[in-house]
Amino acid sequence: MTYAIETEGLVKRFGKVTALSGLDLVARQGTVLGVLGPNGAGKTTAVRILASLMPPDEGTARVCGFDVARDPREVRRLIGLTGQYAAIDEQLTGAQNISMVARLLGFKRPAAKRRTAELLERFGLGHAADRKAQTYSGGMRRRLDLAVSLVGDPAVLYLDEPTTGLDPESRHELWDIVRGLVTNGSTVLLTTQYLEEADRLADDIVVIDGGAAIATGTPEELKAKTDRQTLEIQPAAAGDLEATLRIVEELSGVRPLADGSRLRIQVNDSALPSAVLRRLDESGIEVTELALRQPSLDEVFLSLTGTQGRKNRELADRMERSSS
C-alpha cells in the first residue's frame, strides 16, 4: 500500500539537541492525520522534513511514494504548506499574492488570473481582492495564506498549527475548509495544540513527544486506551447532594468531586453506575443526570505526554549524553 505520507525511523539533530529520535508515522490518502505533541516535541521539524525544506539525518520520509531526500522536486510538486504564521506579502493585494504564486508555479497569465479568481471566491475573499493584505483581519489573512498554498492544487497539504491566534469563528471557518479539501480527495497533515481541533478533524492521530511517536490511532481508539471514564451525577434536589456523595463514596471507596450541584468521579468498574443508581433509588433520591463519560482527547493527551512522554524525554537525554 502506498501511503500519502510515510516516515520510518526519522532522526534529526541540531547540534546536541535531538529534535526527532526515530519518528514513524503514516497518513492514508484522502484523510486528515492529526499530529499532536507538546512544544518542542518535533512536530514542526517533521513538517519541514516532509516538505523537503531540510534533510533528515537518519531514516526515510516519503510523500506519495517519492523520497523527500532523493526526489525533492517531485515532492514539492505534490505538496502545499501553511505554517504557523501567514506567509503572505502584506504590501500586495489578496489577488496579487495569489497571482504571484501562480506565475512562480508556471501558470500562464490568463490561467493565473482564472486560478486567482477561483481561489478568492472559494475562500470568501472576492470582496477584498484589491485590498492590501495588511488591511485583512487575522481570519482573512489565514484564509488567504491557505488559498496561496492551494494554487498548485496539491495532493498533500501540511497545516502547521494553522488556527493559532484565530478567534473561534475564524477557527470554525478554517475547519470547514479543511473538511472540504479532504472531501475532494486531498490528504492533510495537521499539527495542532488544540485538542478539540484534532478531535473534530482528524481521521487518525499520532501523538509525538521527545521526537518519537508514543501513541497512534483514531480519536476514539486513543480515548479507549485511557482508563479514565468519568461518572457524572446530578441529584434533582440540591439538598440530596451530600447524601448522594456519601452513597457514591461508600460504593466506590473514593470521594467524588463536587462541582456545584454535580458530582464527578473517575471509574474503572463498569458495574458502578448501575450500583449507584439502585442505591439512590432505594434511598428515594431522584437524579436529573447519571452518565458515564468517555475521557476527552485532552485527558488522553495529558495522560500520554505525562507518563510515556517523560520516558521518551529521558531516552532522548540518554541518547544525547552517549553521543557527546
Protein backbone atom coordinates (compact mmCIF):
# COMPACT_ATOMS: atom_id res chain seq x y z
CA MET A 1 0.00 0.00 0.00
CA THR A 2 1.30 3.45 -0.95
CA TYR A 3 0.56 6.00 1.76
CA ALA A 4 0.21 9.70 1.04
CA ILE A 5 2.78 10.35 3.79
CA GLU A 6 5.13 7.86 5.42
CA THR A 7 8.17 8.18 7.67
CA GLU A 8 10.35 5.42 9.08
CA GLY A 9 12.96 5.94 11.80
CA LEU A 10 13.18 9.66 11.12
CA VAL A 11 16.02 11.32 13.06
CA LYS A 12 17.05 14.98 13.08
CA ARG A 13 19.66 16.57 15.31
CA PHE A 14 20.61 20.20 15.81
CA GLY A 15 23.99 20.05 17.47
CA LYS A 16 23.47 18.28 20.79
CA VAL A 17 19.68 18.58 20.59
CA THR A 18 17.78 15.63 19.11
CA ALA A 19 14.57 17.01 17.63
CA LEU A 20 13.40 13.70 16.11
CA SER A 21 14.51 10.38 17.55
CA GLY A 22 13.11 7.72 15.22
CA LEU A 23 9.71 9.04 14.19
CA ASP A 24 7.35 6.63 12.42
CA LEU A 25 4.04 7.84 11.03
CA VAL A 26 1.71 7.22 8.10
CA ALA A 27 -1.17 9.15 6.56
CA ARG A 28 -3.73 7.38 4.42
CA GLN A 29 -4.74 9.06 1.17
CA GLY A 30 -7.78 11.32 1.41
CA THR A 31 -7.68 11.63 5.21
CA VAL A 32 -6.58 14.07 7.92
CA LEU A 33 -3.66 12.94 10.07
CA GLY A 34 -3.54 14.90 13.31
CA VAL A 35 -0.05 15.27 14.79
CA LEU A 36 -0.18 16.18 18.47
CA GLY A 37 2.59 16.92 20.91
CA PRO A 38 3.79 19.50 23.44
CA ASN A 39 6.05 22.38 22.47
CA GLY A 40 9.43 21.04 21.39
CA ALA A 41 8.09 17.56 20.60
CA GLY A 42 9.35 17.74 16.99
CA LYS A 43 6.13 18.50 15.09
CA THR A 44 7.41 21.43 13.03
CA THR A 45 10.73 19.68 12.36
CA ALA A 46 8.84 16.71 10.94
CA VAL A 47 6.77 19.00 8.71
CA ARG A 48 9.87 20.78 7.41
CA ILE A 49 11.49 17.46 6.51
CA LEU A 50 8.32 16.23 4.80
CA ALA A 51 8.22 19.48 2.83
CA SER A 52 11.84 18.87 1.71
CA LEU A 53 12.96 22.06 3.45
CA MET A 54 15.63 20.17 5.41
CA PRO A 55 17.14 16.68 5.11
CA PRO A 56 16.81 14.04 7.81
CA ASP A 57 19.97 12.78 9.50
CA GLU A 58 18.64 9.23 9.53
CA GLY A 59 15.56 7.35 8.35
CA THR A 60 13.30 7.92 5.37
CA ALA A 61 10.34 10.14 4.56
CA ARG A 62 8.12 9.59 1.52
CA VAL A 63 5.26 11.60 0.02
CA CYS A 64 3.02 9.69 -2.40
CA GLY A 65 5.87 7.21 -2.81
CA PHE A 66 8.59 9.82 -3.51
CA ASP A 67 11.55 10.05 -1.15
CA VAL A 68 11.90 13.64 0.13
CA ALA A 69 15.71 13.44 0.10
CA ARG A 70 16.14 11.79 -3.33
CA ASP A 71 13.17 13.33 -5.18
CA PRO A 72 12.60 16.79 -3.63
CA ARG A 73 11.32 18.29 -6.91
CA GLU A 74 8.60 15.66 -7.21
CA VAL A 75 7.67 16.13 -3.56
CA ARG A 76 7.38 19.92 -3.92
CA ARG A 77 5.18 19.44 -6.96
CA LEU A 78 2.73 17.43 -4.85
CA ILE A 79 2.53 19.46 -1.63
CA GLY A 80 1.22 22.69 -0.19
CA LEU A 81 2.32 24.18 3.14
CA THR A 82 0.69 26.60 5.54
CA GLY A 83 2.90 27.41 8.52
CA GLN A 84 2.09 28.72 11.97
CA TYR A 85 2.11 32.31 10.73
CA ALA A 86 0.73 33.67 7.48
CA ALA A 87 3.48 33.84 4.83
CA ILE A 88 1.93 36.47 2.59
CA ASP A 89 3.21 39.79 1.33
CA GLU A 90 1.22 42.38 3.25
CA GLN A 91 2.06 45.11 0.73
CA LEU A 92 0.36 43.20 -2.07
CA THR A 93 -3.37 42.80 -2.51
CA GLY A 94 -5.07 39.47 -1.97
CA ALA A 95 -5.31 38.95 -5.71
CA GLN A 96 -1.67 39.88 -6.26
CA ASN A 97 -0.49 37.42 -3.61
CA ILE A 98 -2.26 34.51 -5.28
CA SER A 99 -1.39 35.57 -8.81
CA MET A 100 2.30 35.94 -7.95
CA VAL A 101 2.50 32.37 -6.66
CA ALA A 102 0.58 31.08 -9.69
CA ARG A 103 3.08 32.73 -12.02
CA LEU A 104 6.00 31.30 -9.99
CA LEU A 105 4.46 27.85 -10.42
CA GLY A 106 4.45 28.29 -14.20
CA PHE A 107 0.86 29.38 -14.86
CA LYS A 108 0.45 31.50 -17.99
CA ARG A 109 -1.05 34.93 -17.31
CA PRO A 110 -4.66 34.06 -18.32
CA ALA A 111 -4.53 30.80 -16.32
CA ALA A 112 -3.08 32.61 -13.30
CA LYS A 113 -5.90 35.16 -13.47
CA ARG A 114 -8.54 32.41 -13.61
CA ARG A 115 -6.96 30.48 -10.74
CA THR A 116 -6.75 33.65 -8.64
CA ALA A 117 -10.41 34.47 -9.17
CA GLU A 118 -11.39 30.88 -8.38
CA LEU A 119 -9.48 30.80 -5.10
CA LEU A 120 -10.64 34.24 -3.99
CA GLU A 121 -14.22 33.14 -4.47
CA ARG A 122 -13.65 29.76 -2.83
CA PHE A 123 -12.22 31.34 0.32
CA GLY A 124 -14.71 34.18 0.57
CA LEU A 125 -12.17 36.88 -0.29
CA GLY A 126 -13.60 38.16 -3.56
CA HIS A 127 -14.87 41.37 -1.92
CA ALA A 128 -11.33 42.12 -0.66
CA ALA A 129 -9.40 41.04 -3.77
CA ASP A 130 -7.99 44.53 -4.43
CA ARG A 131 -7.24 45.44 -0.82
CA LYS A 132 -3.72 45.16 0.56
CA ALA A 133 -3.26 42.11 2.76
CA GLN A 134 -2.15 44.34 5.64
CA THR A 135 -5.76 45.55 5.93
CA TYR A 136 -7.10 41.98 6.34
CA SER A 137 -8.30 40.58 9.66
CA GLY A 138 -6.46 37.61 11.19
CA GLY A 139 -9.03 35.17 9.83
CA MET A 140 -8.87 36.69 6.35
CA ARG A 141 -5.07 36.53 6.33
CA ARG A 142 -5.17 32.90 7.32
CA ARG A 143 -7.69 32.13 4.54
CA LEU A 144 -5.50 33.98 2.04
CA ASP A 145 -2.44 32.05 3.24
CA LEU A 146 -4.31 28.78 2.73
CA ALA A 147 -5.52 29.90 -0.70
CA VAL A 148 -1.92 30.63 -1.71
CA SER A 149 -0.83 27.16 -0.59
CA LEU A 150 -3.52 25.61 -2.81
CA VAL A 151 -2.64 27.41 -6.04
CA GLY A 152 -0.95 24.30 -7.44
CA ASP A 153 -3.84 22.03 -6.36
CA PRO A 154 -1.58 19.90 -4.12
CA ALA A 155 -2.37 16.28 -3.37
CA VAL A 156 -0.94 16.67 0.13
CA LEU A 157 -1.32 19.71 2.36
CA TYR A 158 0.66 20.42 5.53
CA LEU A 159 -1.09 22.65 8.06
CA ASP A 160 1.31 23.51 10.87
CA GLU A 161 -0.84 24.87 13.73
CA PRO A 162 -2.98 26.80 11.21
CA THR A 163 -5.52 28.24 13.68
CA THR A 164 -3.03 29.69 16.18
CA GLY A 165 -4.30 33.10 17.27
CA LEU A 166 -7.62 32.87 15.45
CA ASP A 167 -10.94 33.68 17.10
CA PRO A 168 -13.49 30.82 17.42
CA GLU A 169 -15.49 31.91 14.36
CA SER A 170 -12.41 32.04 12.12
CA ARG A 171 -11.23 28.71 13.50
CA HIS A 172 -14.54 27.05 12.59
CA GLU A 173 -14.39 28.59 9.10
CA LEU A 174 -10.97 27.04 8.59
CA TRP A 175 -12.23 23.67 9.83
CA ASP A 176 -14.96 23.77 7.18
CA ILE A 177 -12.35 24.50 4.52
CA VAL A 178 -10.20 21.54 5.64
CA ARG A 179 -13.20 19.21 5.56
CA GLY A 180 -13.96 20.38 2.02
CA LEU A 181 -10.39 19.71 0.89
CA VAL A 182 -10.48 16.14 2.20
CA THR A 183 -13.90 15.54 0.64
CA ASN A 184 -12.32 16.49 -2.69
CA GLY A 185 -9.53 13.93 -2.22
CA SER A 186 -6.69 15.87 -0.60
CA THR A 187 -4.61 14.45 2.23
CA VAL A 188 -3.96 16.79 5.16
CA LEU A 189 -1.30 16.57 7.84
CA LEU A 190 -2.45 18.82 10.67
CA THR A 191 -0.26 19.74 13.61
CA THR A 192 -2.17 21.41 16.40
CA GLN A 193 -2.21 22.07 20.14
CA TYR A 194 -5.99 22.45 20.11
CA LEU A 195 -7.23 19.04 21.15
CA GLU A 196 -10.79 19.87 20.10
CA GLU A 197 -9.47 20.64 16.63
CA ALA A 198 -7.86 17.22 16.29
CA ASP A 199 -10.98 15.54 17.67
CA ARG A 200 -13.18 17.32 15.11
CA LEU A 201 -10.99 16.95 12.03
CA ALA A 202 -8.56 14.04 12.32
CA ASP A 203 -9.30 10.58 10.94
CA ASP A 204 -6.11 9.31 12.59
CA ILE A 205 -3.85 10.79 15.25
CA VAL A 206 -0.20 10.32 16.14
CA VAL A 207 0.99 11.70 19.47
CA ILE A 208 4.69 12.54 19.49
CA ASP A 209 6.95 13.50 22.36
CA GLY A 210 10.69 13.54 22.62
CA GLY A 211 10.81 13.32 18.83
CA ALA A 212 9.11 9.90 18.63
CA ALA A 213 5.58 8.57 18.27
CA ILE A 214 4.21 7.45 21.64
CA ALA A 215 0.65 6.61 20.52
CA THR A 216 -1.31 6.24 17.27
CA GLY A 217 -4.93 5.54 16.39
CA THR A 218 -8.26 7.16 15.69
CA PRO A 219 -9.52 9.66 18.29
CA GLU A 220 -11.89 7.01 19.64
CA GLU A 221 -9.17 4.36 19.80
CA LEU A 222 -6.90 6.67 21.77
CA LYS A 223 -9.70 7.52 24.19
CA ALA A 224 -10.39 3.81 24.68
CA LYS A 225 -6.77 3.27 25.75
CA THR A 226 -7.18 5.58 28.73
CA ASP A 227 -8.95 4.11 31.78
CA ARG A 228 -10.41 7.42 32.82
CA GLN A 229 -14.13 7.19 32.32
CA THR A 230 -15.97 9.72 34.45
CA LEU A 231 -19.28 9.13 36.22
CA GLU A 232 -21.34 12.32 36.48
CA ILE A 233 -24.34 12.51 38.83
CA GLN A 234 -26.71 15.41 39.43
CA PRO A 235 -29.44 14.97 42.09
CA ALA A 236 -32.79 16.56 41.28
CA ALA A 237 -32.88 18.24 44.68
CA ALA A 238 -29.87 20.27 45.82
CA GLY A 239 -30.49 19.06 49.38
CA ASP A 240 -29.72 15.48 48.30
CA LEU A 241 -26.20 16.28 47.15
CA GLU A 242 -24.48 15.31 50.41
CA ALA A 243 -26.41 12.04 50.73
CA THR A 244 -25.59 11.20 47.10
CA LEU A 245 -21.93 11.93 47.76
CA ARG A 246 -21.88 9.53 50.73
CA ILE A 247 -23.53 6.76 48.69
CA VAL A 248 -21.05 7.12 45.81
CA GLU A 249 -18.09 7.23 48.21
CA GLU A 250 -19.32 4.11 50.04
CA LEU A 251 -19.77 2.12 46.82
CA SER A 252 -16.58 3.26 45.08
CA GLY A 253 -14.21 3.78 48.01
CA VAL A 254 -13.32 7.18 46.51
CA ARG A 255 -14.71 10.56 47.47
CA PRO A 256 -16.26 12.18 44.37
CA LEU A 257 -15.58 15.76 43.35
CA ALA A 258 -18.45 18.18 43.92
CA ASP A 259 -18.84 20.76 41.16
CA GLY A 260 -21.81 22.91 42.07
CA SER A 261 -24.85 20.61 42.03
CA ARG A 262 -22.99 17.86 40.15
CA LEU A 263 -20.70 15.06 41.37
CA ARG A 264 -17.86 13.61 39.31
CA ILE A 265 -15.72 10.55 39.91
CA GLN A 266 -13.29 8.61 37.72
CA VAL A 267 -14.25 4.95 37.50
CA ASN A 268 -12.79 1.73 36.14
CA ASP A 269 -15.63 -0.52 37.34
CA SER A 270 -18.38 -0.71 34.71
CA ALA A 271 -20.80 -2.03 37.36
CA LEU A 272 -20.56 1.10 39.50
CA PRO A 273 -23.14 3.26 37.65
CA SER A 274 -25.91 0.65 37.98
CA ALA A 275 -25.00 0.03 41.63
CA VAL A 276 -25.16 3.75 42.36
CA LEU A 277 -28.50 4.07 40.57
CA ARG A 278 -30.01 1.18 42.58
CA ARG A 279 -28.82 2.62 45.90
CA LEU A 280 -30.13 6.09 45.04
CA ASP A 281 -33.48 4.58 44.07
CA GLU A 282 -33.63 2.66 47.36
CA SER A 283 -32.87 5.89 49.22
CA GLY A 284 -35.59 7.78 47.39
CA ILE A 285 -33.12 10.15 45.71
CA GLU A 286 -34.08 11.28 42.24
CA VAL A 287 -31.42 12.34 39.72
CA THR A 288 -31.65 14.53 36.66
CA GLU A 289 -28.43 13.09 35.24
CA LEU A 290 -26.35 9.96 35.73
CA ALA A 291 -23.93 9.39 32.88
CA LEU A 292 -20.65 7.61 32.20
CA ARG A 293 -18.50 9.87 30.05
CA GLN A 294 -15.55 8.85 27.90
CA PRO A 295 -12.25 10.64 28.52
CA SER A 296 -11.71 13.73 26.41
CA LEU A 297 -8.81 13.90 23.98
CA ASP A 298 -7.30 16.49 26.34
CA GLU A 299 -7.23 13.89 29.13
CA VAL A 300 -5.72 11.29 26.79
CA PHE A 301 -3.04 13.74 25.66
CA LEU A 302 -2.12 14.71 29.23
CA SER A 303 -2.02 11.06 30.26
CA LEU A 304 0.26 10.09 27.37
CA THR A 305 2.66 13.01 27.50
CA GLY A 306 2.75 12.96 31.28
CA THR A 307 3.87 9.32 31.55
CA GLN A 308 5.22 7.80 28.37
CA GLY A 309 6.25 11.27 27.23
CA ARG A 310 8.60 11.62 30.19
CA LYS A 311 10.13 8.23 29.39
CA ASN A 312 10.83 9.36 25.82
CA ARG A 313 12.42 12.57 27.00
CA GLU A 314 14.65 10.57 29.38
CA LEU A 315 15.58 8.27 26.50
CA ALA A 316 16.43 11.26 24.31
CA ASP A 317 18.61 12.67 27.10
CA ARG A 318 20.49 9.35 27.39
CA MET A 319 20.98 9.22 23.61
CA GLU A 320 22.36 12.75 23.65
CA ARG A 321 24.76 12.01 26.54
CA SER A 322 26.04 8.83 24.87
CA SER A 323 26.76 10.67 21.61
CA SER A 324 28.63 13.55 23.26
